[in-house]
Amino acid sequence: AECMGKTSHFIERCFSRDWSSMTFDHNPVTTLIRQATYPEINNTKGPINQQWLNYYLHKITIEDPQHLYKLEKAAAMPMLLQSLANRAGSLVNDSQIAQDININTVTARTYRHLLEKTFIINAVEPWFRNVNKRLVKTGKVFFYDTLLLAHLRRHNTSDLSKTPPHELGHLFENFVWSELTKLNALETYPVNISFFRTREGVGVDFVLETYDQLVGIEVKHAETISSKDLHGLRELKSLATTSFTCGIVLCNTKRVIEIEKDIFLVPFSALWA
């Protein structure tokens, strides 16, 4: 929203279900990811973009761990960050990560928490209620800067539109989390942001919750949404009962559509409109 010269009220609109008086634009999300990055490379392309990101990664994974934090196993930090990038949007398993990069689980967890405290990544906890459902209890990891994530995943940061669809879906989900987190930090009364997932794999990307209201948000890099795509939101609605305010599918639709009762298709640009 700041890059677009606008003030976003997306979170408030989710709970009020009021999408009136909004003017949606059709800027590609891939363009916005390049704009909403570090100021030094905002909207830059080519070698400058890549060189800056490479230097930044060297700074946060090699120089700072060795000289500033004096980590005993500082050499593992680049591998840890890469492993986390490969798992962005997925459940975090410190023991599996530790095994992959040949360190112990306690060190992997400690170093991951350091990356959280320095605002590189953050973990999102699962939503749960005291209901007779088997829900996962492991958090997911996301990156504050989606362009950095794209760089770590070896995508062309100068033209993200060329990213394979499946990979683009991961970047879009991370971007939405990052935007929600930034918008929430500006709220007078911040909401809780979590995700919903059952042991059977039914889930919703993000859950926004106040003390008595709940909104589910699914991220889909698509224009056509099928009934199957709404399965997670329906499941969340059945568990949340009266606190379920609405379900939202952020997608490439051109306008807000109530696809079924209490579930809306909403353009990505609602995040910054």
Protein backbone atom coordinates (compact mmCIF):
# COMPACT_ATOMS: atom_id res chain seq x y z
CA ALA A 1 0.00 0.00 0.00
CA GLU A 2 2.83 2.39 0.82
CA CYS A 3 4.49 1.71 -2.54
CA MET A 4 1.16 2.35 -4.28
CA GLY A 5 0.64 5.60 -2.37
CA LYS A 6 -2.45 4.23 -0.63
CA THR A 7 -3.69 3.41 2.84
CA SER A 8 -5.01 -0.12 3.18
CA HIS A 9 -7.94 -1.08 5.38
CA PHE A 10 -7.95 -4.70 4.28
CA ILE A 11 -8.10 -6.28 7.73
CA GLU A 12 -10.99 -4.07 8.84
CA ARG A 13 -12.85 -4.84 5.61
CA CYS A 14 -12.41 -8.58 6.18
CA PHE A 15 -14.30 -8.36 9.46
CA SER A 16 -16.90 -5.84 8.26
CA ARG A 17 -17.37 -7.70 4.96
CA ASP A 18 -17.63 -4.28 3.35
CA TRP A 19 -15.97 -4.14 -0.08
CA SER A 20 -17.97 -1.16 -1.31
CA SER A 21 -16.30 2.05 -2.46
CA MET A 22 -13.17 0.11 -3.39
CA THR A 23 -11.41 0.57 -6.70
CA PHE A 24 -9.46 -2.53 -7.63
CA ASP A 25 -6.46 -2.39 -9.92
CA HIS A 26 -4.98 -5.22 -11.93
CA ASN A 27 -1.29 -4.78 -11.24
CA PRO A 28 0.36 -8.22 -11.32
CA VAL A 29 1.30 -9.46 -7.86
CA THR A 30 4.75 -10.27 -9.27
CA THR A 31 5.24 -6.54 -9.92
CA LEU A 32 4.17 -5.64 -6.39
CA ILE A 33 6.58 -8.19 -4.89
CA ARG A 34 9.43 -6.36 -6.61
CA GLN A 35 8.18 -3.00 -5.37
CA ALA A 36 7.48 -4.03 -1.76
CA THR A 37 11.04 -5.09 -1.03
CA TYR A 38 14.09 -3.47 0.52
CA PRO A 39 14.24 0.26 -0.38
CA GLU A 40 17.74 -0.07 -1.86
CA ILE A 41 16.45 -2.34 -4.65
CA ASN A 42 12.83 -1.23 -4.83
CA ASN A 43 11.68 -2.03 -8.37
CA THR A 44 15.22 -2.57 -9.69
CA LYS A 45 16.14 -5.24 -12.20
CA GLY A 46 19.13 -7.13 -13.48
CA PRO A 47 22.63 -7.44 -11.96
CA ILE A 48 22.16 -4.67 -9.36
CA ASN A 49 19.18 -6.51 -7.95
CA GLN A 50 21.04 -9.84 -7.76
CA GLN A 51 24.26 -8.34 -6.42
CA TRP A 52 22.50 -6.51 -3.60
CA LEU A 53 20.60 -9.62 -2.52
CA ASN A 54 23.78 -11.71 -2.63
CA TYR A 55 25.60 -9.16 -0.48
CA TYR A 56 22.69 -8.99 1.96
CA LEU A 57 22.64 -12.78 2.31
CA HIS A 58 26.40 -12.77 2.91
CA LYS A 59 25.89 -10.14 5.61
CA ILE A 60 23.10 -11.93 7.51
CA THR A 61 24.35 -15.51 7.17
CA ILE A 62 28.16 -15.18 7.28
CA GLU A 63 29.42 -11.82 8.56
CA ASP A 64 26.91 -11.17 11.36
CA PRO A 65 26.80 -14.76 12.71
CA GLN A 66 30.61 -14.90 12.89
CA HIS A 67 31.53 -11.40 14.06
CA LEU A 68 28.43 -9.96 15.72
CA TYR A 69 26.70 -13.00 17.24
CA LYS A 70 29.85 -15.14 17.47
CA LEU A 71 27.93 -18.33 16.83
CA GLU A 72 29.85 -21.52 17.45
CA LYS A 73 28.53 -23.12 14.28
CA ALA A 74 28.12 -19.98 12.20
CA ALA A 75 29.11 -21.87 9.04
CA ALA A 76 25.74 -23.66 9.19
CA MET A 77 23.71 -20.45 8.92
CA PRO A 78 23.67 -20.16 5.07
CA MET A 79 22.52 -23.77 4.81
CA LEU A 80 19.89 -23.20 7.49
CA LEU A 81 18.45 -20.18 5.70
CA GLN A 82 18.39 -22.09 2.41
CA SER A 83 16.65 -25.01 4.07
CA LEU A 84 14.03 -22.67 5.53
CA ALA A 85 13.53 -21.02 2.12
CA ASN A 86 12.91 -24.43 0.59
CA ARG A 87 10.25 -25.01 3.26
CA ALA A 88 8.59 -21.57 3.17
CA GLY A 89 4.86 -21.96 3.71
CA SER A 90 5.37 -25.49 4.99
CA LEU A 91 5.41 -27.00 8.46
CA VAL A 92 8.66 -26.44 10.36
CA ASN A 93 10.46 -29.53 11.61
CA ASP A 94 13.68 -28.54 13.37
CA SER A 95 14.95 -32.10 13.69
CA GLN A 96 14.54 -32.70 9.96
CA ILE A 97 16.27 -29.42 9.14
CA ALA A 98 19.09 -30.27 11.53
CA GLN A 99 19.56 -33.63 9.87
CA ASP A 100 19.65 -32.02 6.41
CA ILE A 101 22.43 -29.58 7.33
CA ASN A 102 24.28 -31.83 9.79
CA ILE A 103 23.79 -29.95 13.07
CA ASN A 104 21.87 -30.91 16.19
CA THR A 105 18.21 -30.02 16.67
CA VAL A 106 18.80 -27.57 19.53
CA THR A 107 21.27 -25.57 17.41
CA ALA A 108 18.88 -25.55 14.45
CA ARG A 109 16.06 -24.25 16.63
CA THR A 110 18.27 -21.64 18.32
CA TYR A 111 19.61 -20.32 15.01
CA ARG A 112 16.12 -20.29 13.49
CA HIS A 113 14.92 -18.17 16.40
CA LEU A 114 17.81 -15.77 15.76
CA LEU A 115 16.58 -15.33 12.17
CA GLU A 116 13.12 -14.60 13.59
CA LYS A 117 14.45 -11.96 16.00
CA THR A 118 16.31 -10.22 13.18
CA PHE A 119 13.15 -10.08 11.05
CA ILE A 120 14.24 -12.39 8.27
CA ILE A 121 11.64 -15.08 8.90
CA ASN A 122 8.80 -15.77 11.29
CA ALA A 123 6.79 -18.79 12.34
CA VAL A 124 3.00 -18.83 12.21
CA GLU A 125 1.22 -21.01 14.73
CA PRO A 126 -1.75 -23.25 13.90
CA TRP A 127 -5.31 -22.32 14.81
CA PHE A 128 -7.10 -24.72 17.12
CA ARG A 129 -10.18 -25.01 19.24
CA ASN A 130 -11.23 -27.52 21.87
CA VAL A 131 -13.04 -29.65 19.33
CA ASN A 132 -12.95 -33.32 18.50
CA LYS A 133 -10.72 -32.86 15.46
CA ARG A 134 -7.11 -33.86 14.89
CA LEU A 135 -5.34 -30.60 14.08
CA VAL A 136 -1.62 -30.14 13.48
CA LYS A 137 0.35 -28.41 16.24
CA THR A 138 3.46 -27.48 14.25
CA GLY A 139 4.04 -23.95 12.93
CA LYS A 140 4.79 -22.77 9.39
CA VAL A 141 7.70 -20.56 8.38
CA PHE A 142 7.45 -17.45 6.19
CA PHE A 143 9.86 -14.76 5.00
CA TYR A 144 9.24 -11.07 5.67
CA ASP A 145 10.61 -10.17 2.24
CA THR A 146 9.21 -12.22 -0.63
CA LEU A 147 11.81 -11.06 -3.17
CA LEU A 148 14.53 -12.41 -0.88
CA LEU A 149 12.65 -15.70 -0.73
CA ALA A 150 12.41 -15.78 -4.54
CA HIS A 151 16.15 -15.16 -4.77
CA LEU A 152 16.88 -18.00 -2.35
CA ARG A 153 14.64 -20.32 -4.35
CA ARG A 154 16.65 -19.46 -7.49
CA HIS A 155 13.93 -17.57 -9.35
CA ASN A 156 14.51 -14.67 -11.73
CA THR A 157 13.83 -11.75 -9.40
CA SER A 158 13.84 -9.33 -12.36
CA ASP A 159 10.85 -11.10 -13.94
CA LEU A 160 8.91 -13.24 -11.48
CA SER A 161 6.15 -13.78 -14.04
CA LYS A 162 8.36 -16.50 -15.56
CA THR A 163 8.26 -18.48 -12.31
CA PRO A 164 6.58 -21.91 -12.66
CA PRO A 165 2.93 -21.81 -11.47
CA HIS A 166 3.48 -24.14 -8.51
CA GLU A 167 6.42 -22.06 -7.28
CA LEU A 168 4.51 -18.84 -7.89
CA GLY A 169 1.82 -20.14 -5.57
CA HIS A 170 4.39 -20.40 -2.76
CA LEU A 171 5.59 -16.85 -3.40
CA PHE A 172 2.04 -15.48 -3.46
CA GLU A 173 1.19 -17.16 -0.16
CA ASN A 174 4.34 -15.73 1.43
CA PHE A 175 3.58 -12.27 0.01
CA VAL A 176 0.06 -12.31 1.47
CA TRP A 177 1.42 -13.33 4.89
CA SER A 178 3.99 -10.54 4.75
CA GLU A 179 1.37 -7.95 3.82
CA LEU A 180 -1.05 -9.16 6.52
CA THR A 181 1.74 -8.96 9.09
CA LYS A 182 2.66 -5.41 8.12
CA LEU A 183 -0.96 -4.24 8.02
CA ASN A 184 -1.65 -5.90 11.36
CA ALA A 185 1.26 -4.03 12.95
CA LEU A 186 -0.56 -0.78 12.13
CA GLU A 187 -3.88 -1.87 13.65
CA THR A 188 -5.03 -0.21 16.85
CA TYR A 189 -6.15 -3.62 18.01
CA PRO A 190 -4.06 -6.23 16.15
CA VAL A 191 -5.69 -9.53 15.30
CA ASN A 192 -4.15 -12.95 15.77
CA ILE A 193 -2.80 -14.48 12.55
CA SER A 194 -2.58 -18.26 12.33
CA PHE A 195 -3.29 -21.05 9.83
CA PHE A 196 -5.69 -23.98 9.87
CA ARG A 197 -4.81 -27.54 8.99
CA THR A 198 -6.11 -30.95 9.99
CA ARG A 199 -4.05 -34.14 10.17
CA GLU A 200 -5.83 -35.21 7.00
CA GLY A 201 -4.39 -32.19 5.13
CA VAL A 202 -7.54 -30.05 4.96
CA GLY A 203 -6.53 -26.47 5.59
CA VAL A 204 -6.81 -22.72 5.16
CA ASP A 205 -3.73 -20.59 4.51
CA PHE A 206 -4.45 -17.90 7.10
CA VAL A 207 -6.89 -17.32 9.92
CA LEU A 208 -7.49 -13.81 11.29
CA GLU A 209 -9.10 -13.83 14.72
CA THR A 210 -10.32 -11.41 17.36
CA TYR A 211 -11.86 -12.46 20.65
CA ASP A 212 -15.23 -13.22 19.01
CA GLN A 213 -14.75 -13.06 15.21
CA LEU A 214 -12.80 -15.16 12.75
CA VAL A 215 -11.92 -14.78 9.07
CA GLY A 216 -10.33 -17.49 6.92
CA ILE A 217 -8.14 -16.48 3.96
CA GLU A 218 -7.15 -18.84 1.17
CA VAL A 219 -4.58 -17.77 -1.45
CA LYS A 220 -5.04 -19.03 -5.01
CA HIS A 221 -3.00 -17.94 -8.02
CA ALA A 222 -5.94 -18.53 -10.36
CA GLU A 223 -8.99 -16.90 -11.90
CA THR A 224 -11.21 -19.98 -11.76
CA ILE A 225 -12.00 -21.35 -8.31
CA SER A 226 -13.56 -24.80 -7.98
CA SER A 227 -15.74 -26.21 -5.22
CA LYS A 228 -12.77 -28.30 -4.09
CA ASP A 229 -10.78 -25.11 -3.44
CA LEU A 230 -13.36 -24.12 -0.79
CA HIS A 231 -13.14 -27.34 1.21
CA GLY A 232 -10.80 -25.91 3.84
CA LEU A 233 -12.91 -22.78 4.38
CA ARG A 234 -16.05 -24.91 4.77
CA GLU A 235 -14.29 -27.09 7.34
CA LEU A 236 -13.08 -24.04 9.26
CA LYS A 237 -16.59 -22.57 9.18
CA SER A 238 -18.05 -25.74 10.66
CA LEU A 239 -15.53 -25.72 13.52
CA ALA A 240 -15.64 -21.98 14.26
CA THR A 241 -19.48 -21.93 14.19
CA THR A 242 -20.89 -18.53 15.21
CA SER A 243 -17.52 -16.76 15.32
CA PHE A 244 -16.94 -17.41 11.61
CA THR A 245 -17.38 -13.99 9.99
CA CYS A 246 -16.45 -14.97 6.44
CA GLY A 247 -14.08 -16.87 4.24
CA ILE A 248 -12.01 -15.08 1.60
CA VAL A 249 -10.25 -16.50 -1.44
CA LEU A 250 -7.63 -14.01 -2.60
CA CYS A 251 -7.26 -14.76 -6.30
CA ASN A 252 -7.07 -13.23 -9.79
CA THR A 253 -10.76 -12.31 -9.88
CA LYS A 254 -11.56 -8.81 -11.15
CA ARG A 255 -14.27 -8.08 -8.57
CA VAL A 256 -15.65 -9.34 -5.27
CA ILE A 257 -17.98 -12.31 -5.74
CA GLU A 258 -19.88 -14.13 -3.00
CA ILE A 259 -19.29 -17.61 -4.40
CA GLU A 260 -21.38 -19.21 -1.67
CA LYS A 261 -22.83 -18.08 1.66
CA ASP A 262 -20.18 -16.27 3.72
CA ILE A 263 -17.36 -17.08 1.25
CA PHE A 264 -16.05 -14.42 -1.12
CA LEU A 265 -13.65 -14.28 -4.04
CA VAL A 266 -11.59 -11.11 -3.60
CA PRO A 267 -8.93 -9.57 -5.91
CA PHE A 268 -5.35 -9.55 -4.67
CA SER A 269 -5.33 -5.78 -4.99
CA ALA A 270 -7.70 -5.56 -2.00
CA LEU A 271 -4.52 -5.87 0.06
CA TRP A 272 -3.44 -2.40 -1.01
CA ALA A 273 -6.69 -0.82 -2.30
